[in-house]
Protein backbone atom coordinates (compact mmCIF):
# COMPACT_ATOMS: atom_id res chain seq x y z
CA MET A 1 221.69 -186.53 82.10
CA ASN A 2 222.10 -182.99 80.88
CA GLU A 3 225.60 -181.60 80.90
CA ILE A 4 226.17 -178.21 82.46
CA PRO A 5 227.75 -175.99 79.86
CA GLU A 6 231.07 -174.46 80.82
CA PRO A 7 231.06 -170.64 81.23
CA LYS A 8 232.41 -168.84 78.27
CA PRO A 9 235.61 -166.90 78.91
CA VAL A 10 235.25 -163.15 79.05
CA SER A 11 237.09 -161.52 76.24
CA PRO A 12 239.73 -158.82 76.94
CA GLU A 13 237.57 -156.36 75.04
CA ILE A 14 234.64 -156.88 77.45
CA LYS A 15 236.93 -156.56 80.50
CA ALA A 16 238.38 -153.35 79.13
CA SER A 17 234.85 -152.09 78.45
CA GLU A 18 233.76 -152.85 82.05
CA THR A 19 236.88 -151.13 83.44
CA THR A 20 236.21 -148.10 81.28
CA SER A 21 232.57 -148.10 82.44
CA ASN A 22 233.60 -148.23 86.11
CA SER A 23 236.08 -145.40 85.61
CA SER A 24 233.44 -143.40 83.82
CA ASN A 25 230.98 -143.93 86.71
CA PHE A 26 233.60 -142.86 89.24
CA GLY A 27 234.40 -139.78 87.16
CA ARG A 28 230.72 -138.82 86.99
CA VAL A 29 230.37 -139.20 90.77
CA LEU A 30 233.49 -137.14 91.35
CA PHE A 31 232.31 -134.47 88.92
CA SER A 32 228.84 -134.29 90.49
CA TRP A 33 230.37 -133.99 93.97
CA ARG A 34 232.68 -131.21 92.78
CA ARG A 35 229.81 -129.39 91.11
CA TRP A 36 227.73 -129.68 94.31
CA TRP A 37 230.62 -128.33 96.39
CA LEU A 38 231.28 -125.38 94.07
CA GLN A 39 227.65 -124.43 93.53
CA ASP A 40 225.84 -125.31 96.77
CA VAL A 41 228.66 -124.76 99.28
CA VAL A 42 231.36 -122.46 97.94
CA GLY A 43 228.87 -120.53 95.84
CA THR A 44 226.83 -119.57 98.92
CA VAL A 45 229.79 -117.91 100.68
CA ASP A 46 229.98 -114.13 100.45
CA GLN A 47 233.78 -114.01 100.26
CA ALA A 48 234.01 -110.23 100.07
CA SER A 49 231.96 -109.88 103.27
CA VAL A 50 234.04 -112.51 105.07
CA ILE A 51 237.29 -110.78 104.09
CA GLU A 52 235.97 -107.39 105.22
CA LYS A 53 234.99 -108.74 108.65
CA ARG A 54 238.31 -110.56 109.07
CA ARG A 55 240.22 -107.38 108.23
CA GLU A 56 238.38 -105.52 110.99
CA ASP A 57 239.54 -108.11 113.55
CA CYS A 58 243.18 -107.59 112.55
CA GLY A 59 243.43 -103.84 113.15
CA LEU A 60 245.93 -102.49 115.67
CA THR A 61 243.24 -100.57 117.56
CA GLU A 62 243.05 -99.13 121.05
CA ARG A 63 240.47 -101.78 122.00
CA TYR A 64 242.70 -104.61 120.75
CA LEU A 65 245.72 -103.42 122.74
CA PHE A 66 243.70 -102.73 125.89
CA MET A 67 241.88 -106.10 125.84
CA THR A 68 245.16 -107.92 125.15
CA ALA A 69 246.79 -106.22 128.14
CA MET A 70 243.83 -106.96 130.43
CA SER A 71 243.69 -110.56 129.27
CA GLY A 72 247.41 -110.99 129.97
CA GLY A 73 247.07 -109.48 133.45
CA ILE A 74 244.16 -111.76 134.36
CA ALA A 75 245.94 -114.79 132.90
CA ILE A 76 249.16 -114.35 134.88
CA LEU A 77 247.24 -113.77 138.13
CA GLY A 78 245.19 -116.89 137.48
CA LEU A 79 248.35 -118.89 136.79
CA LEU A 80 250.06 -117.62 139.95
CA LEU A 81 246.96 -118.50 141.98
CA SER A 82 246.63 -121.81 140.09
CA SER A 83 242.99 -120.97 139.46
CA PRO A 84 241.49 -122.51 136.28
CA ALA A 85 238.41 -120.28 136.58
CA VAL A 86 240.48 -117.08 136.42
CA VAL A 87 242.56 -118.45 133.53
CA ILE A 88 239.38 -119.21 131.58
CA GLY A 89 238.28 -115.62 132.14
CA ALA A 90 241.51 -114.44 130.52
CA MET A 91 240.88 -116.70 127.52
CA LEU A 92 237.44 -115.13 127.04
CA LEU A 93 238.92 -111.63 126.87
CA SER A 94 241.87 -112.42 124.63
CA PRO A 95 241.50 -110.95 121.10
CA LEU A 96 244.58 -112.73 119.70
CA MET A 97 242.47 -115.17 117.68
CA GLY A 98 241.47 -112.35 115.31
CA PRO A 99 244.89 -111.51 113.81
CA ILE A 100 245.96 -115.18 113.75
CA MET A 101 242.88 -116.19 111.78
CA GLY A 102 243.31 -113.08 109.65
CA LEU A 103 246.86 -114.16 108.88
CA GLY A 104 245.57 -117.49 107.57
CA PHE A 105 242.94 -115.83 105.35
CA ALA A 106 245.47 -113.26 104.11
CA LEU A 107 247.83 -116.07 103.08
CA ALA A 108 244.97 -117.81 101.28
CA ILE A 109 244.33 -114.79 99.04
CA TRP A 110 247.99 -113.66 99.20
CA ASP A 111 247.19 -110.12 100.26
CA TYR A 112 250.54 -108.66 101.31
CA ASP A 113 249.09 -105.58 103.01
CA TRP A 114 246.70 -107.73 105.03
CA ILE A 115 249.52 -110.11 105.98
CA LYS A 116 251.56 -107.14 107.27
CA GLN A 117 248.58 -105.78 109.18
CA SER A 118 247.89 -109.14 110.86
CA ALA A 119 251.54 -109.76 111.66
CA ARG A 120 251.97 -106.26 113.11
CA SER A 121 248.90 -106.59 115.34
CA LEU A 122 249.96 -110.05 116.44
CA ALA A 123 253.52 -108.92 117.21
CA TRP A 124 252.45 -105.88 119.24
CA GLY A 125 249.85 -107.89 121.15
CA THR A 126 252.36 -110.64 121.90
CA VAL A 127 255.06 -108.26 123.11
CA MET A 128 252.60 -106.25 125.20
CA ALA A 129 251.22 -109.36 126.91
CA VAL A 130 254.67 -110.80 127.65
CA VAL A 131 256.05 -107.53 129.05
CA LEU A 132 252.99 -106.85 131.21
CA CYS A 133 252.98 -110.40 132.61
CA ALA A 134 256.73 -110.17 133.30
CA LEU A 135 256.22 -106.92 135.24
CA VAL A 136 253.38 -108.42 137.29
CA VAL A 137 255.50 -111.45 138.18
CA PHE A 138 258.59 -109.33 138.89
CA PHE A 139 256.74 -107.27 141.52
CA SER A 140 254.69 -110.21 142.81
CA PRO A 141 255.63 -111.91 146.10
CA ILE A 142 254.55 -115.23 144.53
CA GLN A 143 257.02 -116.54 141.96
CA THR A 144 256.63 -120.29 142.39
CA ILE A 145 255.88 -122.59 139.46
CA THR A 146 252.28 -123.65 140.02
CA PRO A 147 250.66 -126.68 138.31
CA GLU A 148 248.86 -124.30 135.93
CA ILE A 149 252.21 -122.82 134.86
CA ALA A 150 253.96 -126.19 134.57
CA ALA A 151 251.16 -127.51 132.34
CA ARG A 152 251.99 -124.86 129.73
CA THR A 153 255.72 -125.31 129.43
CA LYS A 154 255.75 -128.08 126.84
CA PRO A 155 253.46 -128.79 123.87
CA ASN A 156 252.25 -132.33 123.34
CA LEU A 157 250.18 -134.19 120.78
CA PHE A 158 246.92 -133.23 122.47
CA ASP A 159 247.80 -129.51 122.43
CA LEU A 160 248.46 -129.79 118.71
CA GLY A 161 245.16 -131.62 118.18
CA VAL A 162 243.23 -129.01 120.17
CA ALA A 163 244.75 -126.19 118.12
CA PHE A 164 243.98 -127.99 114.85
CA PHE A 165 240.34 -128.85 115.56
CA SER A 166 239.72 -125.45 117.16
CA ALA A 167 241.10 -123.72 114.06
CA LEU A 168 238.84 -125.84 111.85
CA ALA A 169 235.82 -124.83 113.93
CA GLY A 170 236.89 -121.18 114.06
CA ALA A 171 237.58 -120.87 110.33
CA TYR A 172 234.29 -122.57 109.48
CA ALA A 173 232.39 -120.26 111.84
CA MET A 174 234.01 -117.19 110.30
CA ILE A 175 233.32 -118.33 106.74
CA ARG A 176 229.72 -119.28 107.45
CA GLY A 177 228.97 -116.24 109.63
CA ARG A 178 228.76 -118.08 112.97
CA GLU A 179 231.06 -115.81 114.98
CA GLY A 180 229.43 -116.83 118.28
CA THR A 181 231.41 -120.06 118.08
CA ILE A 182 234.68 -118.10 118.38
CA VAL A 183 234.19 -117.71 122.13
CA GLY A 184 234.45 -121.47 122.58
CA VAL A 185 237.37 -121.63 120.16
CA ALA A 186 239.22 -118.94 122.15
CA ILE A 187 238.82 -121.00 125.33
CA ALA A 188 239.92 -124.22 123.65
CA THR A 189 243.09 -122.90 122.02
CA ALA A 190 244.20 -120.98 125.13
CA LEU A 191 246.58 -118.60 123.37
CA MET A 192 246.99 -116.14 126.23
CA PRO A 193 248.06 -118.50 129.08
CA PRO A 194 251.22 -119.66 127.25
CA LEU A 195 252.14 -116.00 126.64
CA ALA A 196 251.64 -115.29 130.34
CA VAL A 197 253.96 -118.19 131.17
CA VAL A 198 256.53 -116.72 128.75
CA GLY A 199 256.36 -113.53 130.80
CA PHE A 200 256.76 -115.58 133.99
CA GLY A 201 259.88 -117.25 132.60
CA LEU A 202 261.28 -113.88 131.53
CA ALA A 203 260.71 -112.30 134.96
CA THR A 204 262.18 -115.26 136.87
CA PHE A 205 265.03 -115.84 134.37
CA ASN A 206 263.86 -119.43 133.93
CA TRP A 207 264.92 -120.42 130.42
CA THR A 208 263.17 -123.81 130.56
CA VAL A 209 259.80 -122.23 131.34
CA PHE A 210 260.35 -119.37 128.90
CA SER A 211 261.35 -121.50 125.92
CA GLY A 212 258.79 -124.23 126.58
CA ALA A 213 255.86 -121.82 126.82
CA LEU A 214 257.06 -119.86 123.78
CA LEU A 215 257.27 -123.09 121.79
CA LEU A 216 253.70 -123.96 122.81
CA TYR A 217 252.48 -120.50 121.75
CA VAL A 218 254.26 -120.61 118.38
CA THR A 219 253.00 -124.17 117.81
CA ASN A 220 249.41 -123.07 118.39
CA LEU A 221 249.88 -119.92 116.31
CA ILE A 222 251.29 -121.68 113.25
CA THR A 223 248.81 -124.56 113.49
CA ILE A 224 245.84 -122.19 113.64
CA ALA A 225 247.11 -119.96 110.83
CA LEU A 226 247.87 -122.90 108.51
CA THR A 227 244.53 -124.56 109.26
CA ALA A 228 242.68 -121.30 108.56
CA TRP A 229 244.64 -120.99 105.29
CA GLY A 230 243.60 -124.53 104.30
CA MET A 231 239.94 -123.95 105.14
CA ALA A 232 239.92 -120.68 103.22
CA ARG A 233 241.42 -122.33 100.16
CA LEU A 234 238.92 -125.18 100.46
CA TYR A 235 236.06 -122.67 100.39
CA GLY A 236 237.34 -121.02 97.24
CA PHE A 237 239.29 -118.02 98.54
CA ARG A 238 241.85 -117.27 95.84
CA THR A 239 244.50 -114.71 94.99
CA ALA A 240 242.17 -113.12 92.45
CA LEU A 241 240.53 -111.26 95.32
CA SER A 242 243.65 -109.15 95.95
CA GLY A 243 246.16 -107.20 93.93
CA LYS A 244 249.36 -108.67 92.54
CA GLN A 245 252.43 -108.59 94.75
CA THR A 246 256.08 -108.19 93.91
CA ILE A 247 258.45 -111.16 93.89
CA PHE A 248 260.39 -109.64 96.79
CA GLN A 249 257.25 -109.36 98.92
CA ASN A 250 256.28 -112.96 98.17
CA VAL A 251 259.76 -114.25 99.02
CA ALA A 252 259.82 -112.19 102.23
CA VAL A 253 256.48 -113.60 103.41
CA ILE A 254 257.51 -117.16 102.62
CA ALA A 255 260.85 -116.70 104.39
CA VAL A 256 259.22 -115.33 107.53
CA PHE A 257 256.66 -118.11 107.57
CA VAL A 258 259.33 -120.77 107.09
CA ALA A 259 261.34 -119.24 109.93
CA LEU A 260 258.29 -119.39 112.20
CA ALA A 261 257.63 -122.96 111.11
CA ILE A 262 261.05 -124.13 112.39
CA PRO A 263 259.89 -124.20 116.05
CA LEU A 264 256.76 -126.03 114.93
CA THR A 265 258.91 -128.65 113.16
CA LEU A 266 261.05 -129.10 116.27
CA SER A 267 257.92 -129.33 118.37
CA LEU A 268 256.43 -131.97 116.07
CA GLN A 269 259.61 -134.03 116.25
CA SER A 270 259.58 -133.86 120.03
CA ILE A 271 255.87 -134.70 120.13
CA ALA A 272 256.36 -137.68 117.79
CA PHE A 273 259.26 -139.00 119.87
CA GLU A 274 257.48 -138.67 123.19
CA THR A 275 254.22 -140.14 121.87
CA ASN A 276 256.04 -143.17 120.51
CA ALA A 277 258.12 -143.42 123.68
CA GLN A 278 255.03 -143.42 125.87
CA ARG A 279 253.55 -146.27 123.84
CA GLN A 280 256.80 -148.24 124.09
CA VAL A 281 257.10 -147.61 127.83
CA ARG A 282 253.60 -148.94 128.49
CA GLY A 283 254.22 -151.96 126.31
CA GLU A 284 257.58 -152.84 127.91
CA ILE A 285 256.21 -152.51 131.44
CA LEU A 286 253.22 -154.71 130.69
CA ASP A 287 255.48 -157.36 129.14
CA ILE A 288 257.15 -157.84 132.54
CA PHE A 289 253.92 -158.83 134.28
CA ASP A 290 251.19 -161.42 134.02
CA PRO A 291 248.93 -160.97 130.95
CA ARG A 292 245.99 -160.35 133.30
CA SER A 293 247.71 -157.28 134.75
CA ARG A 294 246.48 -153.73 134.24
CA LEU A 295 248.69 -150.68 133.84
CA GLY A 296 247.43 -147.62 135.69
CA GLN A 297 248.82 -144.11 135.74
CA VAL A 298 252.22 -143.63 134.08
CA GLU A 299 254.23 -140.44 134.52
CA ILE A 300 257.32 -139.83 132.37
CA ASP A 301 259.76 -136.97 132.87
CA PHE A 302 261.76 -136.74 129.64
CA GLU A 303 263.64 -133.66 130.87
CA SER A 304 265.42 -135.46 133.69
CA ASP A 305 268.65 -137.38 133.23
CA PRO A 306 268.14 -140.29 133.52
CA VAL A 307 264.55 -140.33 132.26
CA ARG A 308 262.29 -140.79 135.28
CA ILE A 309 259.29 -143.09 134.92
CA ASP A 310 256.69 -143.73 137.65
CA ALA A 311 254.02 -146.35 137.00
CA ASN A 312 251.20 -148.14 138.83
CA VAL A 313 250.55 -151.77 137.95
CA PHE A 314 247.63 -153.88 139.17
CA THR A 315 248.72 -157.50 138.92
CA PRO A 316 247.66 -160.87 140.33
CA GLN A 317 251.32 -161.82 140.81
CA LEU A 318 254.01 -159.49 142.15
CA GLU A 319 257.35 -159.33 140.33
CA PRO A 320 260.29 -158.56 142.67
CA ASP A 321 262.72 -157.79 139.82
CA ALA A 322 260.27 -155.74 137.75
CA GLU A 323 262.10 -152.42 138.15
CA ILE A 324 265.52 -153.87 137.28
CA ASP A 325 264.18 -155.72 134.23
CA GLY A 326 262.14 -152.70 133.19
CA GLU A 327 265.05 -150.26 133.42
CA ARG A 328 267.21 -152.56 131.30
CA ALA A 329 264.51 -152.99 128.62
CA LEU A 330 263.46 -149.33 128.53
CA SER A 331 267.06 -148.06 128.36
CA ARG A 332 267.57 -150.25 125.31
CA VAL A 333 264.34 -149.10 123.65
CA LEU A 334 264.66 -145.36 124.40
CA GLY A 335 268.43 -145.19 123.95
CA ARG A 336 268.76 -143.22 127.21
CA PRO A 337 269.33 -144.15 130.86
CA VAL A 338 266.07 -144.79 132.69
CA GLN A 339 265.11 -144.63 136.35
CA LEU A 340 261.97 -146.73 136.78
CA SER A 341 259.72 -146.80 139.83
CA ILE A 342 256.80 -149.26 139.80
CA ASN A 343 254.07 -149.32 142.41
CA GLN A 344 252.74 -152.89 142.29
CA VAL A 345 249.24 -153.46 143.64
CA GLN A 346 248.24 -157.11 143.98
CA SER A 347 244.74 -157.75 142.68
CA GLY A 348 242.63 -160.86 142.21
CA ARG A 349 243.37 -163.67 139.81
CA SER A 350 241.22 -162.34 137.01
CA ALA A 351 241.45 -159.41 134.61
CA ALA A 352 238.18 -158.05 136.05
CA ALA A 353 239.77 -157.89 139.50
CA ALA A 354 242.69 -155.90 138.09
CA GLN A 355 240.27 -153.50 136.40
CA GLN A 356 238.39 -153.06 139.68
CA ALA A 357 241.63 -152.40 141.53
CA GLU A 358 242.62 -149.77 138.94
CA LEU A 359 239.21 -148.10 139.27
CA SER A 360 239.50 -148.02 143.05
CA ALA A 361 242.97 -146.48 142.85
CA THR A 362 241.71 -143.81 140.43
CA ARG A 363 238.88 -142.93 142.79
CA ALA A 364 241.33 -142.75 145.68
CA ARG A 365 243.51 -140.30 143.74
CA GLU A 366 240.48 -138.17 142.91
CA GLU A 367 239.42 -138.14 146.56
CA GLU A 368 242.94 -137.17 147.62
CA ALA A 369 243.00 -134.33 145.08
CA ALA A 370 239.60 -133.14 146.30
CA LEU A 371 240.84 -133.25 149.89
CA GLN A 372 243.89 -131.15 149.02
CA ARG A 373 241.65 -128.67 147.18
CA ALA A 374 239.40 -128.39 150.23
CA GLU A 375 242.40 -127.81 152.50
CA GLN A 376 243.69 -125.02 150.23
CA LEU A 377 240.21 -123.46 150.18
CA ALA A 378 240.08 -123.56 153.98
CA GLU A 379 243.45 -121.80 154.20
CA ARG A 380 242.33 -118.99 151.88
CA LEU A 381 238.98 -118.56 153.63
CA ALA A 382 240.60 -118.41 157.06
CA LEU A 383 243.08 -115.84 155.78
CA VAL A 384 240.52 -113.44 154.27
CA ALA A 385 238.09 -113.84 157.19
CA GLY A 386 240.76 -113.28 159.83
CA VAL A 387 239.94 -116.50 161.67
CA THR A 388 241.56 -119.87 162.32
CA GLU A 389 240.71 -122.93 160.25
CA ASP A 390 238.98 -124.45 163.29
CA GLU A 391 236.34 -121.71 163.01
CA LEU A 392 235.38 -122.76 159.47
CA THR A 393 232.59 -125.10 158.47
CA ILE A 394 233.70 -127.26 155.52
CA ASP A 395 231.24 -129.78 154.07
CA ARG A 396 233.34 -131.70 151.53
CA GLN A 397 230.51 -133.98 150.48
CA ARG A 398 228.15 -131.13 149.58
CA ARG A 399 231.03 -128.82 148.65
CA ARG A 400 230.00 -126.02 150.98
CA ALA A 401 232.24 -123.69 152.97
CA ILE A 402 230.86 -121.33 155.64
CA VAL A 403 232.82 -118.83 157.74
CA ARG A 404 231.93 -115.90 160.01
CA ALA A 405 234.45 -113.13 159.42
CA ARG A 406 235.96 -110.97 162.11
CA PRO A 407 235.86 -107.15 161.83
CA LEU A 408 238.70 -105.84 159.70
CA ASP A 409 239.96 -102.25 159.91
CA GLY A 410 238.35 -100.11 157.24
CA ALA A 411 236.31 -103.00 155.78
CA SER A 412 232.67 -102.41 154.80
CA LEU A 413 229.94 -104.85 153.88
CA ALA A 414 230.93 -104.36 150.25
CA THR A 415 234.48 -105.47 151.11
CA TYR A 416 233.30 -108.74 152.60
CA ARG A 417 230.98 -109.41 149.70
CA GLU A 418 233.83 -108.80 147.25
CA LEU A 419 236.05 -111.23 149.18
CA GLU A 420 233.34 -113.88 149.02
CA MET A 421 232.84 -113.36 145.29
CA ARG A 422 236.58 -113.61 144.57
CA ILE A 423 236.96 -116.90 146.43
CA ALA A 424 233.77 -118.27 144.87
CA ALA A 425 235.13 -117.43 141.39
CA THR A 426 238.19 -119.62 142.04
CA GLU A 427 236.03 -122.53 143.29
CA PRO A 428 233.07 -122.81 140.90
CA ASP A 429 232.15 -126.27 142.24
CA TRP A 430 231.80 -124.99 145.81
CA THR A 431 229.17 -122.90 147.57
CA ILE A 432 231.00 -120.20 149.54
CA GLN A 433 229.24 -118.28 152.33
CA LEU A 434 231.19 -115.57 154.16
CA THR A 435 229.13 -114.04 156.96
CA PRO A 436 230.21 -110.43 157.61
CA PRO A 437 230.14 -108.58 160.92
CA ARG A 438 227.02 -106.55 161.69
CA LEU A 439 228.08 -103.31 159.98
CA GLN A 440 226.14 -100.26 158.81
CA LEU A 441 223.90 -100.90 155.81
CA PRO A 442 224.36 -98.61 152.78
CA GLU A 443 222.04 -95.79 151.76
CA VAL A 444 219.88 -96.27 148.65
CA THR A 445 220.06 -93.27 146.34
CA PHE A 446 217.34 -92.29 143.87
CA ALA A 447 217.07 -90.39 140.62
CA GLU A 448 213.71 -89.28 139.24
CA GLY A 449 211.81 -91.45 141.70
CA GLU A 450 213.69 -94.68 140.89
CA PRO A 451 216.86 -96.21 142.40
CA ASP A 452 219.86 -95.12 140.34
CA GLN A 453 222.74 -97.46 139.49
CA ALA A 454 224.42 -96.96 142.87
CA GLY A 455 221.05 -97.45 144.55
CA VAL A 456 220.45 -100.77 142.82
CA GLN A 457 223.91 -101.96 143.90
CA ALA A 458 223.12 -100.87 147.46
CA VAL A 459 219.91 -102.93 147.41
CA GLN A 460 221.82 -105.96 146.19
CA LEU A 461 224.34 -105.51 149.02
CA ILE A 462 221.51 -105.20 151.59
CA VAL A 463 219.95 -108.44 150.32
CA TRP A 464 223.28 -110.26 150.52
CA ALA A 465 224.08 -109.02 154.04
CA SER A 466 220.59 -109.79 155.36
CA ARG A 467 220.75 -113.33 154.01
CA ARG A 468 224.20 -113.95 155.45
CA LEU A 469 223.33 -112.56 158.92
CA ASP A 470 219.71 -113.83 158.80
CA MET A 471 218.43 -110.53 160.13
CA PRO A 472 215.46 -108.32 159.17
CA VAL A 473 215.96 -104.86 157.68
CA SER A 474 214.41 -101.50 158.54
CA ILE A 475 214.10 -98.86 155.81
CA THR A 476 213.31 -95.17 156.22
CA GLY A 477 212.31 -92.82 153.38
CA THR A 478 209.39 -91.21 151.57
CA ALA A 479 206.29 -93.29 150.88
CA ASP A 480 207.18 -93.85 147.23
CA GLU A 481 210.80 -94.73 147.99
CA VAL A 482 209.86 -97.10 150.79
CA GLU A 483 207.26 -98.81 148.63
CA ALA A 484 209.73 -99.35 145.76
CA ILE A 485 212.54 -100.72 147.94
CA GLU A 486 210.22 -102.75 150.16
CA THR A 487 208.88 -104.48 147.05
CA MET A 488 212.41 -105.36 145.92
CA LEU A 489 213.54 -106.61 149.34
CA THR A 490 210.36 -108.61 149.97
CA ALA A 491 210.66 -110.26 146.57
CA ALA A 492 214.16 -111.36 147.61
CA GLY A 493 212.68 -113.05 150.70
CA LEU A 494 213.69 -110.47 153.32
CA THR A 495 211.70 -109.35 156.33
CA VAL A 496 211.29 -105.55 156.12
CA GLU A 497 210.13 -102.87 158.55
CA SER A 498 209.06 -99.56 156.94
CA ASN A 499 209.27 -96.00 158.28
CA ILE A 500 207.94 -92.99 156.37
CA GLN A 501 209.62 -89.58 156.33
CA ARG A 502 209.39 -86.50 154.12
CA ARG A 503 213.03 -86.10 152.95
CA ALA A 504 213.32 -87.42 149.37
CA GLY A 505 216.32 -88.57 147.36
CA THR A 506 217.94 -91.01 149.79
CA LEU A 507 216.55 -94.04 151.60
CA GLN A 508 218.32 -95.16 154.77
CA ALA A 509 218.55 -98.88 155.61
CA ASN A 510 219.29 -100.20 159.10
CA TRP A 511 219.15 -103.49 160.91
CA ALA A 512 215.79 -104.10 162.53
CA GLU A 513 215.58 -105.30 166.09
CA VAL A 514 215.01 -109.04 166.30
CA ALA A 515 212.03 -109.95 168.44
CA GLU A 516 212.86 -112.20 171.39
């Protein structure tokens, strides 16, 4: 029988050689990756062009100030109306992203003049937006805290994450010449709505709203600027691209940035505490119930004293002392008095039954929210149409709302169409149809044989009114004018009667008689 030879021990020299070989391989990989990054990525960036474009976005120009003011005005009106669609429109207009991103790039290359330019534009834009929003709120009859306002009074972990990832996307788009992405970044970061809420808090002397919204704005601002600085440094932007600065200037910039970072630090501490507290609250509540239980919606108000916690639990076995036990455990964990309210929903004996019960409750909440939204829509429609809610047709399933408006003093067809468009803008998921009274149709004006701008708008209004009233239209004008407008109206699906006359320059539209 042959004996199996024992393996020879590996000498320390061979082990050291293998370790050295592995380190050498890792070093080569790291070097090749660095060379690829510097040559194929950083080397393809036209840094001078990027800096020039970013400087243009940071100028304190007439356009920047005007668009900032308009964005602030739209934002505060959207917040007062609690209309997400209007608030999104304000985000699209806001030019604040330019100087904030410029501040990050200026810090990356340590260009003191650029830093001052960005900071000055940002400061003026911020002050202008806050003052304008405060004036609008001060003279507004509506000064209640809507859900849209309340949602922007306190930064949380998700707000910080949105600002961070949006800044990454924005900085990358600017470096790689993909500026079209900035529109989406502007919507995501939502810089203007918090400023509008700051103005609301200032006008109503509500320090809680004012400070909370200002903290959210500063948190987003610093997060975006620092992220842009990091991306710029990663892509090779260095101080060699700008002139040398004095020690005093460098110290001043650092001091200002550190001062601005203090609110961010406080915000991060608050975010960390509340995030950890939410995890502990959910864990402590679940520990009270059967392991097959499911925890539904949990709402925590850290501002109240004691801390108020409302929770939904789907459990196969009800616990009569759950709130008492939970308050005792949560007070010990959070170190603060707690007022706990638990809505216990008894489900089946399995975990699947608890999941189904939670799903049903979520759907019920969504249906209730949709019902409230429909009721608010009905109130607004009845108000603008001058009718009672009983005269409305609301189809909640198909999300359609139809109303026939009463004649209003001084109102034209254009007025009713504008009212319909405004309500439709606040309810993008609904189809709104406001039927106007049978009023005089507008004249269609021409220039050089074609409808001018006012004439085109008149045609659009005629089409809208004819569709709403389901009535044919009669037009009177020269042969060429009638032919041009008849073609446009017929293409829109309208029934048209034509009358020829010799007077040129204006085409008159009237309602045609409906055949019995």
